[in-house]
N, C-alpha and C. Protein backbone atom coordinates (compact mmCIF):
# COMPACT_ATOMS: atom_id res chain seq x y z
N MET A 1 -73.88 96.40 -120.84
CA MET A 1 -74.85 96.47 -122.01
C MET A 1 -74.42 96.03 -123.38
N SER A 2 -75.14 95.21 -124.09
CA SER A 2 -74.86 94.71 -125.33
C SER A 2 -76.00 95.35 -126.38
N ALA A 3 -75.64 95.46 -127.58
CA ALA A 3 -76.59 95.93 -128.55
C ALA A 3 -77.14 94.65 -129.25
N PHE A 4 -78.47 94.85 -129.67
CA PHE A 4 -79.21 93.83 -130.35
C PHE A 4 -80.02 94.41 -131.43
N VAL A 5 -80.44 93.80 -132.45
CA VAL A 5 -81.36 94.21 -133.31
C VAL A 5 -82.39 93.14 -133.52
N TYR A 6 -83.75 93.66 -133.58
CA TYR A 6 -84.85 92.74 -134.00
C TYR A 6 -85.38 93.12 -135.20
N VAL A 7 -85.65 92.28 -136.13
CA VAL A 7 -86.18 92.51 -137.41
C VAL A 7 -87.53 92.06 -137.19
N ILE A 8 -88.57 92.93 -137.70
CA ILE A 8 -90.04 92.62 -137.56
C ILE A 8 -90.62 92.72 -138.84
N LYS A 9 -91.57 91.69 -139.09
CA LYS A 9 -92.26 91.69 -140.38
C LYS A 9 -93.79 91.48 -139.96
N MET A 10 -94.65 92.19 -140.87
CA MET A 10 -95.98 91.95 -140.67
C MET A 10 -96.32 90.41 -141.06
N VAL A 11 -97.09 89.76 -140.20
CA VAL A 11 -97.40 88.44 -140.52
C VAL A 11 -98.35 88.42 -141.86
N ARG A 12 -99.15 89.30 -142.08
CA ARG A 12 -99.94 89.46 -143.25
C ARG A 12 -99.68 91.01 -143.67
N PRO A 13 -98.82 91.10 -144.76
CA PRO A 13 -98.58 92.54 -145.16
C PRO A 13 -99.84 93.36 -145.51
N GLU A 14 -100.83 92.81 -146.00
CA GLU A 14 -102.07 93.66 -146.34
C GLU A 14 -102.71 94.21 -145.12
N LEU A 15 -102.42 93.74 -144.03
CA LEU A 15 -102.86 94.28 -142.74
C LEU A 15 -102.66 95.76 -142.61
N LEU A 16 -101.49 96.25 -143.16
CA LEU A 16 -101.07 97.61 -143.06
C LEU A 16 -102.11 98.53 -143.70
N GLU A 17 -102.86 98.13 -144.66
CA GLU A 17 -104.03 98.86 -145.28
C GLU A 17 -105.35 98.48 -144.80
N HIS A 18 -105.56 97.45 -144.09
CA HIS A 18 -106.81 96.98 -143.69
C HIS A 18 -106.93 96.67 -142.33
N MET A 19 -106.59 97.49 -141.26
CA MET A 19 -106.54 97.13 -139.85
C MET A 19 -107.87 97.32 -139.30
N SER A 20 -108.19 96.32 -138.43
CA SER A 20 -109.29 96.61 -137.53
C SER A 20 -108.95 97.64 -136.45
N PRO A 21 -110.07 98.18 -135.81
CA PRO A 21 -109.62 99.11 -134.67
C PRO A 21 -108.75 98.44 -133.57
N GLU A 22 -108.98 97.21 -133.41
CA GLU A 22 -108.21 96.37 -132.33
C GLU A 22 -106.73 96.39 -132.88
N GLN A 23 -106.56 96.12 -134.08
CA GLN A 23 -105.10 95.96 -134.60
C GLN A 23 -104.53 97.31 -134.57
N GLU A 24 -105.22 98.35 -134.93
CA GLU A 24 -104.68 99.82 -134.90
C GLU A 24 -104.32 100.04 -133.54
N ALA A 25 -105.04 99.65 -132.51
CA ALA A 25 -104.73 99.99 -131.03
C ALA A 25 -103.38 99.22 -130.73
N ILE A 26 -103.26 97.98 -131.27
CA ILE A 26 -101.99 97.29 -130.94
C ILE A 26 -100.75 97.95 -131.71
N MET A 27 -100.98 98.42 -132.74
CA MET A 27 -99.95 99.21 -133.41
C MET A 27 -99.58 100.42 -132.86
N GLU A 28 -100.43 101.06 -132.29
CA GLU A 28 -100.28 102.42 -131.52
C GLU A 28 -99.52 102.06 -130.34
N LYS A 29 -99.77 100.96 -129.52
CA LYS A 29 -99.00 100.56 -128.30
C LYS A 29 -97.67 100.04 -128.71
N HIS A 30 -97.46 99.44 -129.90
CA HIS A 30 -96.11 99.12 -130.47
C HIS A 30 -95.28 100.47 -130.60
N PHE A 31 -95.91 101.41 -131.22
CA PHE A 31 -95.12 102.75 -131.46
C PHE A 31 -94.92 103.41 -130.14
N MET A 32 -95.74 103.42 -129.27
CA MET A 32 -95.50 104.22 -128.01
C MET A 32 -94.54 103.46 -127.22
N ARG A 33 -94.47 102.14 -127.21
CA ARG A 33 -93.38 101.44 -126.46
C ARG A 33 -92.10 101.75 -127.01
N LEU A 34 -91.97 101.86 -128.43
CA LEU A 34 -90.49 102.13 -128.97
C LEU A 34 -90.28 103.66 -128.70
N LYS A 35 -91.14 104.43 -128.72
CA LYS A 35 -90.94 105.77 -128.44
C LYS A 35 -90.44 105.98 -126.97
N GLU A 36 -91.09 105.31 -125.96
CA GLU A 36 -90.67 105.29 -124.59
C GLU A 36 -89.22 104.73 -124.51
N GLY A 37 -89.02 103.66 -125.34
CA GLY A 37 -87.61 103.13 -125.29
C GLY A 37 -86.54 104.09 -125.79
N VAL A 38 -86.86 104.88 -126.79
CA VAL A 38 -85.83 105.92 -127.32
C VAL A 38 -85.79 106.94 -126.17
N GLU A 39 -86.83 107.35 -125.52
CA GLU A 39 -86.68 108.47 -124.49
C GLU A 39 -85.94 107.95 -123.35
N SER A 40 -86.02 106.60 -122.97
CA SER A 40 -85.26 106.08 -121.77
C SER A 40 -83.75 105.78 -122.14
N GLY A 41 -83.52 105.68 -123.36
CA GLY A 41 -82.21 105.36 -123.86
C GLY A 41 -82.01 103.91 -124.20
N LYS A 42 -82.94 103.13 -124.03
CA LYS A 42 -82.90 101.64 -124.40
C LYS A 42 -82.85 101.44 -125.82
N VAL A 43 -83.66 102.05 -126.58
CA VAL A 43 -83.78 101.89 -127.98
C VAL A 43 -82.99 102.98 -128.66
N VAL A 44 -82.04 102.46 -129.55
CA VAL A 44 -81.10 103.49 -130.34
C VAL A 44 -81.85 103.99 -131.43
N LEU A 45 -82.44 103.13 -132.13
CA LEU A 45 -83.25 103.48 -133.36
C LEU A 45 -84.42 102.52 -133.64
N ALA A 46 -85.31 102.83 -134.30
CA ALA A 46 -86.39 101.97 -134.75
C ALA A 46 -87.20 102.60 -135.97
N GLY A 47 -87.58 101.72 -136.85
CA GLY A 47 -88.34 102.25 -137.96
C GLY A 47 -88.50 101.20 -138.98
N PRO A 48 -89.55 101.37 -139.86
CA PRO A 48 -89.85 100.34 -141.04
C PRO A 48 -89.13 100.83 -142.34
N CYS A 49 -88.95 99.79 -143.14
CA CYS A 49 -88.58 100.07 -144.58
C CYS A 49 -89.81 100.80 -145.19
N THR A 50 -89.61 101.71 -146.01
CA THR A 50 -90.72 102.40 -146.58
C THR A 50 -91.45 101.68 -147.69
N ASP A 51 -90.84 100.43 -148.06
CA ASP A 51 -91.45 99.49 -148.97
C ASP A 51 -92.35 98.53 -148.14
N GLY A 52 -92.35 98.56 -146.88
CA GLY A 52 -93.07 97.62 -146.04
C GLY A 52 -92.60 96.34 -145.91
N ALA A 53 -91.25 96.11 -146.29
CA ALA A 53 -90.67 94.81 -146.31
C ALA A 53 -90.40 94.28 -144.97
N PHE A 54 -89.93 95.17 -144.08
CA PHE A 54 -89.56 94.82 -142.66
C PHE A 54 -89.24 96.04 -141.97
N GLY A 55 -89.12 95.97 -140.62
CA GLY A 55 -88.71 97.07 -139.64
C GLY A 55 -87.60 96.46 -138.86
N ILE A 56 -86.91 97.48 -138.25
CA ILE A 56 -85.72 97.11 -137.33
C ILE A 56 -85.87 97.81 -136.08
N VAL A 57 -85.40 97.28 -135.03
CA VAL A 57 -85.28 97.85 -133.74
C VAL A 57 -83.93 97.63 -133.18
N VAL A 58 -83.04 98.63 -133.01
CA VAL A 58 -81.82 98.48 -132.52
C VAL A 58 -81.85 98.95 -130.97
N PHE A 59 -81.40 98.22 -130.14
CA PHE A 59 -81.62 98.44 -128.68
C PHE A 59 -80.52 97.82 -127.93
N GLU A 60 -80.37 98.13 -126.65
CA GLU A 60 -79.42 97.64 -125.69
C GLU A 60 -80.16 96.83 -124.58
N ALA A 61 -79.41 95.78 -124.29
CA ALA A 61 -79.99 94.86 -123.21
C ALA A 61 -78.82 94.27 -122.36
N ASP A 62 -79.10 93.84 -121.17
CA ASP A 62 -77.91 93.25 -120.41
C ASP A 62 -77.53 91.85 -120.87
N SER A 63 -78.41 91.09 -121.50
CA SER A 63 -78.15 89.78 -122.04
C SER A 63 -78.94 89.44 -123.13
N GLU A 64 -78.77 88.32 -123.87
CA GLU A 64 -79.42 87.83 -124.92
C GLU A 64 -80.89 87.39 -124.39
N GLU A 65 -80.93 86.83 -123.37
CA GLU A 65 -82.21 86.52 -122.64
C GLU A 65 -83.09 87.81 -122.36
N ASP A 66 -82.52 88.83 -121.85
CA ASP A 66 -83.23 90.15 -121.67
C ASP A 66 -83.57 90.64 -122.93
N ALA A 67 -82.82 90.54 -123.99
CA ALA A 67 -83.14 91.09 -125.31
C ALA A 67 -84.28 90.27 -125.90
N ALA A 68 -84.27 88.95 -125.72
CA ALA A 68 -85.47 88.17 -126.33
C ALA A 68 -86.69 88.52 -125.48
N ASP A 69 -86.60 88.73 -124.22
CA ASP A 69 -87.89 89.17 -123.47
C ASP A 69 -88.31 90.46 -123.96
N TYR A 70 -87.41 91.43 -124.16
CA TYR A 70 -87.98 92.85 -124.59
C TYR A 70 -88.49 92.69 -126.02
N MET A 71 -88.00 92.01 -126.95
CA MET A 71 -88.53 91.77 -128.34
C MET A 71 -89.94 91.08 -128.16
N ASN A 72 -90.02 89.95 -127.42
CA ASN A 72 -91.22 89.27 -127.39
C ASN A 72 -92.34 90.06 -126.70
N ALA A 73 -91.96 90.92 -125.91
CA ALA A 73 -92.94 91.72 -125.27
C ALA A 73 -93.52 92.89 -126.14
N ASP A 74 -92.99 92.98 -127.31
CA ASP A 74 -93.41 94.13 -128.22
C ASP A 74 -94.89 93.90 -128.50
N PRO A 75 -95.87 94.73 -128.25
CA PRO A 75 -97.26 94.58 -128.50
C PRO A 75 -97.64 94.06 -129.71
N ALA A 76 -96.90 94.38 -130.84
CA ALA A 76 -97.28 93.92 -132.26
C ALA A 76 -96.85 92.45 -132.45
N VAL A 77 -95.79 92.02 -131.67
CA VAL A 77 -95.29 90.67 -131.65
C VAL A 77 -96.37 89.75 -130.70
N GLU A 78 -96.61 90.41 -129.56
CA GLU A 78 -97.48 89.58 -128.71
C GLU A 78 -98.80 89.49 -129.32
N GLY A 79 -99.19 90.48 -129.90
CA GLY A 79 -100.57 90.61 -130.55
C GLY A 79 -100.66 89.76 -131.82
N GLY A 80 -99.58 89.16 -132.33
CA GLY A 80 -99.57 88.28 -133.49
C GLY A 80 -99.55 89.09 -134.85
N LEU A 81 -99.47 90.43 -134.82
CA LEU A 81 -99.36 91.05 -135.96
C LEU A 81 -98.13 91.12 -136.63
N MET A 82 -97.03 90.93 -135.91
CA MET A 82 -95.58 90.83 -136.50
C MET A 82 -94.89 89.74 -135.95
N SER A 83 -94.03 89.18 -136.78
CA SER A 83 -93.12 88.13 -136.44
C SER A 83 -91.76 88.90 -136.04
N ALA A 84 -90.90 88.35 -135.22
CA ALA A 84 -89.66 89.00 -134.98
C ALA A 84 -88.57 88.05 -134.87
N GLU A 85 -87.33 88.52 -135.27
CA GLU A 85 -86.13 87.63 -135.31
C GLU A 85 -85.06 88.61 -134.50
N LEU A 86 -84.34 88.00 -133.64
CA LEU A 86 -83.45 88.60 -132.84
C LEU A 86 -81.97 88.27 -133.28
N HIS A 87 -81.15 89.41 -133.27
CA HIS A 87 -79.74 89.15 -133.65
C HIS A 87 -78.81 90.00 -132.72
N PRO A 88 -77.71 89.40 -132.33
CA PRO A 88 -76.71 90.31 -131.54
C PRO A 88 -76.19 91.38 -132.58
N PHE A 89 -75.81 92.48 -132.09
CA PHE A 89 -75.46 93.52 -133.00
C PHE A 89 -74.36 94.42 -132.46
N ARG A 90 -73.48 94.97 -133.27
CA ARG A 90 -72.46 95.79 -132.87
C ARG A 90 -72.56 97.21 -133.50
N ILE A 91 -72.74 98.17 -132.81
CA ILE A 91 -72.82 99.54 -133.40
C ILE A 91 -71.45 100.02 -133.71
N SER A 92 -70.97 100.01 -134.91
CA SER A 92 -69.55 100.40 -135.13
C SER A 92 -69.43 101.83 -135.47
N LEU A 93 -70.41 102.38 -136.12
CA LEU A 93 -70.46 103.88 -136.61
C LEU A 93 -71.88 104.33 -136.23
N MET A 94 -71.98 105.58 -135.66
CA MET A 94 -73.23 106.19 -135.51
C MET A 94 -73.10 107.58 -135.41
N GLN A 95 -73.86 108.42 -136.24
CA GLN A 95 -73.84 109.73 -136.18
C GLN A 95 -74.08 110.38 -134.79
N GLY A 96 -73.33 111.23 -134.37
CA GLY A 96 -73.51 111.85 -133.07
C GLY A 96 -73.00 111.08 -131.87
N ARG A 97 -72.38 109.94 -132.13
CA ARG A 97 -71.71 109.07 -131.14
C ARG A 97 -70.22 109.32 -130.98
N ASP A 98 -69.60 109.75 -129.92
CA ASP A 98 -68.30 110.06 -129.84
C ASP A 98 -67.34 108.93 -130.06
N GLN A 99 -67.74 107.75 -129.48
CA GLN A 99 -66.83 106.61 -129.57
C GLN A 99 -67.18 105.70 -130.69
N VAL A 100 -66.28 104.97 -131.37
CA VAL A 100 -66.35 104.04 -132.46
C VAL A 100 -66.01 102.77 -131.91
N ALA A 101 -66.89 101.80 -131.96
CA ALA A 101 -66.47 100.43 -131.52
C ALA A 101 -65.48 99.78 -132.66
N PRO A 102 -64.53 99.10 -132.25
CA PRO A 102 -63.65 98.33 -133.19
C PRO A 102 -64.36 97.22 -133.93
C-alpha cells in the first residue's frame, strides 16, 4: 500500500453557503464516504481548511490507478461540486504511529 493525498476545492466557493437540497445530499454522501474510509483504515485523515480554500484527503491505495479511481468516485467530485487533484504522498511523521518512514 502507498499513501496518496487528494486536494479538493469547491468548484464555486459560494456553494458552501447556498446549497440546494440535492447538493447538500451530495455533500452528506461525501462526508459519509470519508467517515467509512477512516473506519475501514483506508483514509488516514480528511478535512477542510477553515477558510474554505481547500480540503485534503490522505489515504492508502495499492496503486496510483486505484488512488485515482478512489478520488474520482468521491460523491462531491462525481457530482461536480468539487474538483480534485491527486498526489503521491509519504507519511513521514504522524501522531500515534509507531514507525517513522525515512
